[in-house]
Protein backbone atom coordinates (compact mmCIF):
# COMPACT_ATOMS: atom_id res chain seq x y z
CA MET A 1 -0.05 0.06 0.00
CA LYS A 2 1.11 3.57 -0.74
CA SER A 3 0.80 4.75 2.89
CA GLY A 4 3.01 1.93 4.04
CA ARG A 5 5.54 2.66 1.39
CA LEU A 6 5.72 6.32 2.40
CA VAL A 7 6.36 5.41 5.98
CA SER A 8 9.11 3.07 4.83
CA ILE A 9 10.83 5.82 2.83
CA LEU A 10 10.71 8.06 5.80
CA LEU A 11 12.33 5.39 8.10
CA LEU A 12 14.84 4.49 5.52
CA LEU A 13 15.97 8.08 5.18
CA GLN A 14 15.80 8.54 8.96
CA THR A 15 18.06 5.51 9.64
CA ARG A 16 20.43 5.52 6.66
CA GLY A 17 20.68 9.16 5.79
CA ARG A 18 21.04 10.11 2.09
CA MET A 19 19.71 7.67 -0.36
CA THR A 20 19.19 7.83 -4.15
CA ALA A 21 15.89 7.24 -5.86
CA ALA A 22 17.48 4.06 -7.38
CA GLN A 23 18.51 2.81 -3.95
CA LEU A 24 15.09 3.45 -2.52
CA ALA A 25 13.42 1.74 -5.47
CA GLU A 26 15.63 -1.33 -5.04
CA GLU A 27 14.94 -1.45 -1.30
CA LEU A 28 11.11 -1.05 -1.77
CA GLU A 29 10.94 -3.21 -4.86
CA VAL A 30 9.17 -0.50 -6.97
CA SER A 31 10.13 1.54 -10.02
CA VAL A 32 12.15 4.73 -9.74
CA ARG A 33 9.16 6.65 -11.09
CA THR A 34 7.18 5.46 -8.17
CA VAL A 35 9.81 6.66 -5.78
CA TYR A 36 9.62 10.15 -7.54
CA ARG A 37 5.81 10.23 -7.01
CA ASP A 38 6.22 9.17 -3.39
CA VAL A 39 8.72 11.77 -2.68
CA GLU A 40 6.51 14.49 -4.14
CA ALA A 41 3.60 13.23 -1.95
CA LEU A 42 5.76 13.47 1.19
CA SER A 43 6.95 16.91 0.30
CA ALA A 44 3.37 18.03 -0.31
CA ALA A 45 2.42 16.67 3.10
CA GLY A 46 4.96 18.96 4.71
CA VAL A 47 7.80 16.47 5.33
CA PRO A 48 11.11 18.41 5.15
CA LEU A 49 12.66 16.14 2.50
CA TYR A 50 15.27 17.46 0.02
CA GLY A 51 16.92 16.18 -3.12
CA ASP A 52 20.44 16.95 -4.11
CA ALA A 53 21.70 16.52 -7.71
CA GLY A 54 25.04 15.20 -8.86
CA HIS A 55 27.18 12.10 -8.32
CA ALA A 56 26.88 12.26 -4.52
CA GLY A 57 23.29 13.33 -4.57
CA GLY A 58 20.08 11.78 -3.27
CA TYR A 59 17.24 12.35 -1.01
CA ARG A 60 17.62 13.28 2.61
CA LEU A 61 15.67 14.56 5.56
CA LEU A 62 16.26 17.93 7.18
CA ASP A 63 18.94 17.47 9.92
CA GLY A 64 17.13 16.73 13.28
CA TYR A 65 13.82 15.74 11.72
CA ARG A 66 12.45 12.56 13.31
CA THR A 67 9.21 10.87 12.58
CA ARG A 68 7.06 9.17 15.15
CA LEU A 69 6.22 5.48 14.51
CA THR A 70 2.61 6.21 13.76
CA GLY A 71 2.87 4.37 10.39
CA LEU A 72 3.16 0.96 12.13
CA THR A 73 0.40 -1.47 11.47
CA ALA A 74 -1.06 -3.63 14.27
CA ASP A 75 0.72 -6.76 12.92
CA GLU A 76 4.01 -4.79 12.66
CA ALA A 77 3.75 -3.62 16.29
CA GLU A 78 2.99 -7.06 17.48
CA ALA A 79 5.97 -8.48 15.57
CA LEU A 80 8.27 -5.88 16.90
CA PHE A 81 7.63 -6.86 20.44
CA LEU A 82 7.62 -10.46 19.75
CA ALA A 83 11.12 -10.11 18.21
CA GLY A 84 12.54 -8.61 21.45
CA ALA A 85 13.56 -11.83 23.24
CA PRO A 86 14.32 -10.84 26.89
CA GLY A 87 16.23 -14.08 27.74
CA PRO A 88 18.87 -13.81 25.05
CA ALA A 89 19.18 -10.07 25.59
CA ALA A 90 19.75 -10.54 29.22
CA GLN A 91 22.50 -13.13 28.52
CA LEU A 92 24.25 -10.50 26.30
CA GLY A 93 24.02 -7.95 29.00
CA LEU A 94 21.43 -6.02 27.07
CA GLY A 95 18.33 -6.83 29.22
CA SER A 96 17.89 -3.35 30.62
CA VAL A 97 18.71 -1.77 27.27
CA LEU A 98 16.07 -3.85 25.47
CA ALA A 99 13.54 -2.97 28.13
CA ALA A 100 14.31 0.82 27.83
CA ALA A 101 14.09 0.60 23.94
CA GLN A 102 10.74 -1.15 24.16
CA LEU A 103 9.42 1.41 26.57
CA LYS A 104 10.41 4.17 24.13
CA VAL A 105 8.78 2.44 21.19
CA ARG A 106 5.62 1.70 23.25
CA ALA A 107 5.43 5.36 24.20
CA ALA A 108 5.52 6.41 20.61
CA LEU A 109 2.76 4.08 19.41
CA PRO A 110 -0.86 5.23 19.22
CA GLN A 111 -3.19 3.86 21.94
CA GLU A 112 -4.71 1.16 19.56
CA LEU A 113 -1.26 -0.19 18.55
CA ARG A 114 -0.02 -0.05 22.16
CA ILE A 115 -2.82 -2.46 23.09
CA HIS A 116 -1.71 -4.82 20.31
CA ALA A 117 1.91 -4.64 21.46
CA ASP A 118 0.98 -5.23 25.09
CA ARG A 119 -0.93 -8.34 24.11
CA ILE A 120 2.16 -9.97 22.80
CA SER A 121 4.06 -9.72 26.23
CA GLY A 122 1.13 -11.26 28.00
CA ARG A 123 0.44 -14.11 25.52
CA PHE A 124 3.87 -15.23 24.15
CA HIS A 125 7.04 -16.24 25.90
CA LEU A 126 10.19 -17.48 24.27
CA ASP A 127 12.08 -20.28 26.06
CA ALA A 128 14.76 -21.48 23.56
CA PRO A 129 16.47 -24.49 25.46
CA GLY A 130 15.04 -28.04 25.14
CA TRP A 131 13.20 -29.72 27.95
CA TYR A 132 15.93 -32.15 28.87
CA ALA A 133 19.00 -29.90 28.42
CA ASP A 134 20.37 -27.74 31.27
CA ALA A 135 21.09 -24.19 30.39
CA ASP A 136 24.71 -23.72 29.33
CA GLU A 137 26.93 -21.64 31.57
CA THR A 138 28.25 -18.86 29.34
CA PRO A 139 30.18 -16.43 31.66
CA TYR A 140 32.15 -15.11 28.77
CA LEU A 141 29.12 -14.28 26.48
CA PRO A 142 29.02 -10.47 27.31
CA ALA A 143 32.77 -10.11 26.62
CA VAL A 144 32.35 -12.07 23.37
CA ALA A 145 29.41 -9.89 22.37
CA ASP A 146 31.37 -6.73 23.15
CA ALA A 147 34.22 -7.98 20.99
CA VAL A 148 31.88 -8.79 18.14
CA TRP A 149 30.33 -5.28 18.30
CA ASN A 150 33.68 -3.44 18.50
CA SER A 151 35.71 -5.62 16.16
CA ARG A 152 38.26 -6.62 18.80
CA VAL A 153 40.57 -9.60 18.85
CA LEU A 154 40.10 -12.18 21.61
CA HIS A 155 42.63 -14.72 22.98
CA VAL A 156 40.79 -17.78 24.42
CA LEU A 157 41.41 -21.09 25.89
CA TYR A 158 38.93 -23.41 24.13
CA ARG A 159 37.81 -27.02 24.88
CA ARG A 160 37.09 -29.08 21.76
CA TRP A 161 35.92 -32.65 21.58
CA ARG A 162 39.09 -34.16 19.93
CA GLU A 163 42.67 -34.42 21.31
CA PRO A 164 44.25 -32.14 22.35
CA THR A 165 41.00 -30.99 23.92
CA ASP A 166 42.24 -27.73 25.40
CA VAL A 167 43.75 -25.32 22.86
CA GLU A 168 44.80 -21.68 22.64
CA ARG A 169 42.94 -19.63 19.95
CA ARG A 170 43.19 -16.16 18.60
CA LEU A 171 39.70 -15.15 17.51
CA GLU A 172 38.40 -12.37 15.24
CA PRO A 173 34.71 -12.61 16.20
CA TYR A 174 32.40 -11.80 13.30
CA GLY A 175 28.97 -12.61 14.89
CA LEU A 176 26.97 -14.52 17.45
CA VAL A 177 24.23 -17.06 16.72
CA LEU A 178 21.67 -18.50 19.20
CA LYS A 179 20.67 -21.98 18.15
CA ALA A 180 18.33 -24.09 20.32
CA GLY A 181 19.35 -22.27 23.47
CA ARG A 182 23.16 -22.55 22.80
CA TRP A 183 25.36 -19.60 21.78
CA TYR A 184 27.93 -19.95 18.99
CA VAL A 185 30.42 -17.38 17.89
CA VAL A 186 31.61 -17.30 14.25
CA ALA A 187 35.17 -16.12 14.23
CA GLY A 188 38.11 -15.57 11.72
CA PRO A 189 40.46 -15.15 10.17
CA GLU A 190 39.13 -18.28 8.42
CA PRO A 191 35.55 -18.34 9.57
CA ARG A 192 35.03 -21.15 12.09
CA THR A 193 32.25 -21.84 14.59
CA TYR A 194 32.93 -22.03 18.39
CA ARG A 195 30.54 -22.86 21.25
CA VAL A 196 30.70 -19.94 23.69
CA ASP A 197 30.13 -22.33 26.66
CA GLN A 198 33.36 -24.16 25.71
CA ILE A 199 35.60 -21.06 26.26
CA LEU A 200 37.48 -21.82 29.39
CA ARG A 201 39.47 -18.61 29.63
CA LEU A 202 39.13 -15.37 27.66
CA THR A 203 41.51 -12.41 27.41
CA ALA A 204 40.22 -9.24 25.67
CA THR A 205 42.77 -7.21 23.74
CA GLY A 206 42.77 -3.63 22.39
CA GLU A 207 43.69 -5.09 18.95
CA GLU A 208 41.14 -4.29 16.25
CA PHE A 209 40.48 -6.45 13.22
CA THR A 210 38.72 -5.70 9.85
CA ARG A 211 35.51 -7.58 9.23
CA PRO A 212 35.64 -9.17 5.74
CA ASP A 213 33.74 -7.17 3.16
CA GLY A 214 30.51 -8.77 2.23
CA PHE A 215 30.54 -11.30 5.03
CA ASP A 216 26.93 -12.38 5.70
CA LEU A 217 26.40 -14.02 9.09
CA ALA A 218 22.99 -15.58 8.14
CA ALA A 219 24.32 -17.00 4.88
CA HIS A 220 27.38 -18.29 6.55
CA TRP A 221 25.31 -20.03 9.24
CA ALA A 222 23.08 -21.66 6.70
CA ALA A 223 26.07 -23.05 4.74
CA TYR A 224 27.63 -24.21 8.10
CA GLN A 225 24.40 -26.13 8.99
CA ARG A 226 24.26 -27.71 5.48
CA ASP A 227 27.88 -28.79 5.78
CA PHE A 228 27.36 -30.17 9.31
CA HIS A 229 24.40 -32.22 8.24
CA ASP A 230 26.36 -33.62 5.22
CA ARG A 231 29.27 -34.56 7.55
CA LEU A 232 27.00 -35.89 10.29
CA TYR A 233 25.01 -38.34 8.18
CA ARG A 234 27.52 -40.09 6.00
CA GLY A 235 25.95 -43.50 6.03
CA GLU A 236 22.56 -44.86 4.99
CA ALA A 237 20.30 -47.58 6.18
CA VAL A 238 17.33 -49.32 4.48
CA VAL A 239 14.47 -50.07 6.90
CA ARG A 240 10.97 -51.28 7.10
CA LEU A 241 8.55 -49.27 9.28
CA ALA A 242 5.41 -50.60 10.80
CA PRO A 243 2.11 -48.80 10.13
CA GLY A 244 1.96 -45.45 12.06
CA VAL A 245 5.77 -45.40 12.71
CA THR A 246 7.69 -42.45 11.20
CA LEU A 247 11.33 -41.24 11.17
CA ASP A 248 12.08 -37.62 10.48
CA ARG A 249 15.00 -38.34 8.17
CA ALA A 250 13.47 -41.16 6.19
CA VAL A 251 13.23 -40.67 2.51
CA ASN A 252 12.18 -42.58 -0.66
CA HIS A 253 9.17 -44.31 1.07
CA ARG A 254 7.84 -47.36 -0.64
CA THR A 255 4.55 -48.92 0.48
CA GLU A 256 4.55 -52.71 1.10
CA ASN A 257 1.86 -55.24 1.81
CA GLY A 258 0.33 -55.09 5.30
CA GLY A 259 0.81 -51.28 5.54
CA TRP A 260 4.57 -51.41 6.15
CA THR A 261 6.80 -48.87 4.51
CA ARG A 262 10.33 -49.39 3.14
CA ALA A 263 12.51 -46.27 3.30
CA ASP A 264 16.12 -45.06 3.24
CA VAL A 265 17.51 -43.32 6.40
CA PRO A 266 20.65 -41.29 6.54
CA ILE A 267 22.71 -42.45 9.56
CA GLU A 268 25.63 -40.95 11.56
CA SER A 269 27.17 -44.37 12.32
CA VAL A 270 26.29 -47.97 12.96
CA ASP A 271 26.56 -47.46 16.70
CA HIS A 272 24.39 -44.29 16.70
CA ALA A 273 21.76 -45.88 14.51
CA HIS A 274 21.70 -49.05 16.64
CA ALA A 275 20.73 -47.03 19.67
CA GLU A 276 18.30 -44.94 17.75
CA PHE A 277 16.47 -47.74 16.02
CA LEU A 278 16.19 -50.01 19.19
CA ARG A 279 14.01 -47.35 20.72
CA LEU A 280 11.34 -48.07 18.11
CA GLY A 281 11.14 -51.65 19.25
CA THR A 282 9.02 -53.88 16.93
CA GLY A 283 7.96 -50.91 14.86
CA ILE A 284 11.16 -51.10 12.74
CA GLU A 285 13.08 -53.79 10.89
CA VAL A 286 16.57 -52.93 9.55
CA LEU A 287 17.43 -54.52 6.19
CA GLU A 288 20.74 -52.80 5.41
CA PRO A 289 23.62 -52.44 6.09
CA PRO A 290 24.33 -56.03 7.12
CA GLU A 291 26.51 -55.04 10.20
CA LEU A 292 23.75 -52.84 11.63
CA ARG A 293 21.15 -55.61 11.18
CA GLU A 294 23.50 -58.17 12.81
CA LYS A 295 24.29 -55.74 15.72
CA ILE A 296 20.58 -55.22 16.47
CA ALA A 297 19.88 -59.03 16.10
CA ARG A 298 22.59 -59.74 18.64
CA THR A 299 21.17 -57.13 21.10
CA VAL A 300 17.61 -58.53 20.68
CA ALA A 301 18.89 -62.16 21.19
CA GLU A 302 20.66 -61.13 24.44
CA LEU A 303 17.56 -59.30 25.75
CA ALA A 304 15.35 -62.28 24.96
CA GLU A 305 17.73 -64.60 26.81
CA ARG A 306 17.98 -62.19 29.77
CA TYR A 307 14.21 -61.61 30.20
CA GLY A 308 13.24 -65.15 29.17
CA ASN A 309 15.02 -66.66 32.22
CA SER A 310 12.52 -65.21 34.77
CA GLY A 311 13.18 -67.99 37.26
CA ALA A 312 16.68 -66.66 38.08
CA TYR A 313 14.99 -63.65 39.64
CA GLY A 314 12.84 -65.40 42.11
CA GLY A 315 9.97 -66.43 40.00
CA ASP A 316 7.66 -69.40 40.86
């Protein structure tokens, strides 16, 4: 809608400063001609907006001009307050800052939108960690966040899973990621991912580093997840699943007589799959690989022998 687009132009110029018509058009996904018409409409409404010609030209707002957030829709106001996760913000040492910012935004909202925003706080609560996982202790998280923000080098003692476990590392922290209640820092010079809770010792330095041009944290994390998944599930099993039994990773489902389904399942290892598939009991039959089928068969035979000899435990 045009009204929403006009507000977007105002907020873009307010937050980014000078922008050309082409830049505004690209950001709003409209034509340059549409931007020209919108700028004229804003000027006619009394908004102090100026256009400068030349190579370094563009549109800008009069210095000191600030618009109130009255252009927000109800859905936008709700989403804004839903996005402010108090738990992660507090872990980063920004809990009071987030609360103050939300208070200022709330005060700028019209009464109707304020009601919508307040409804979010009362009806939605974000609790990222899983049920059966204790919260990670991350005493160095605020220091890591400060280094990310100020582009400062960190020297850390880091614990990894393989030998030698405790290693010294020089980190150039590019960004922080919160995944399933666990914090990760992506750091250079060659971007690698580190768990913040595995930092055993941290020394902040005054040394600055230059963040690589064009580094996209979200894109890097997405690529890292794809690579992690590919490295994690290097094997494959062929299984039969009983009616009503499902496996999230199962692919290439083929229906068989009796309602059973044959499927292919990526697996991390024979040992890992052995433990995972046993939990499904009689709801699964492993067909391949042979070593996995034999390992499960041996376990089932041992269990049958153990539980079949009930007399050894004081039975009649």
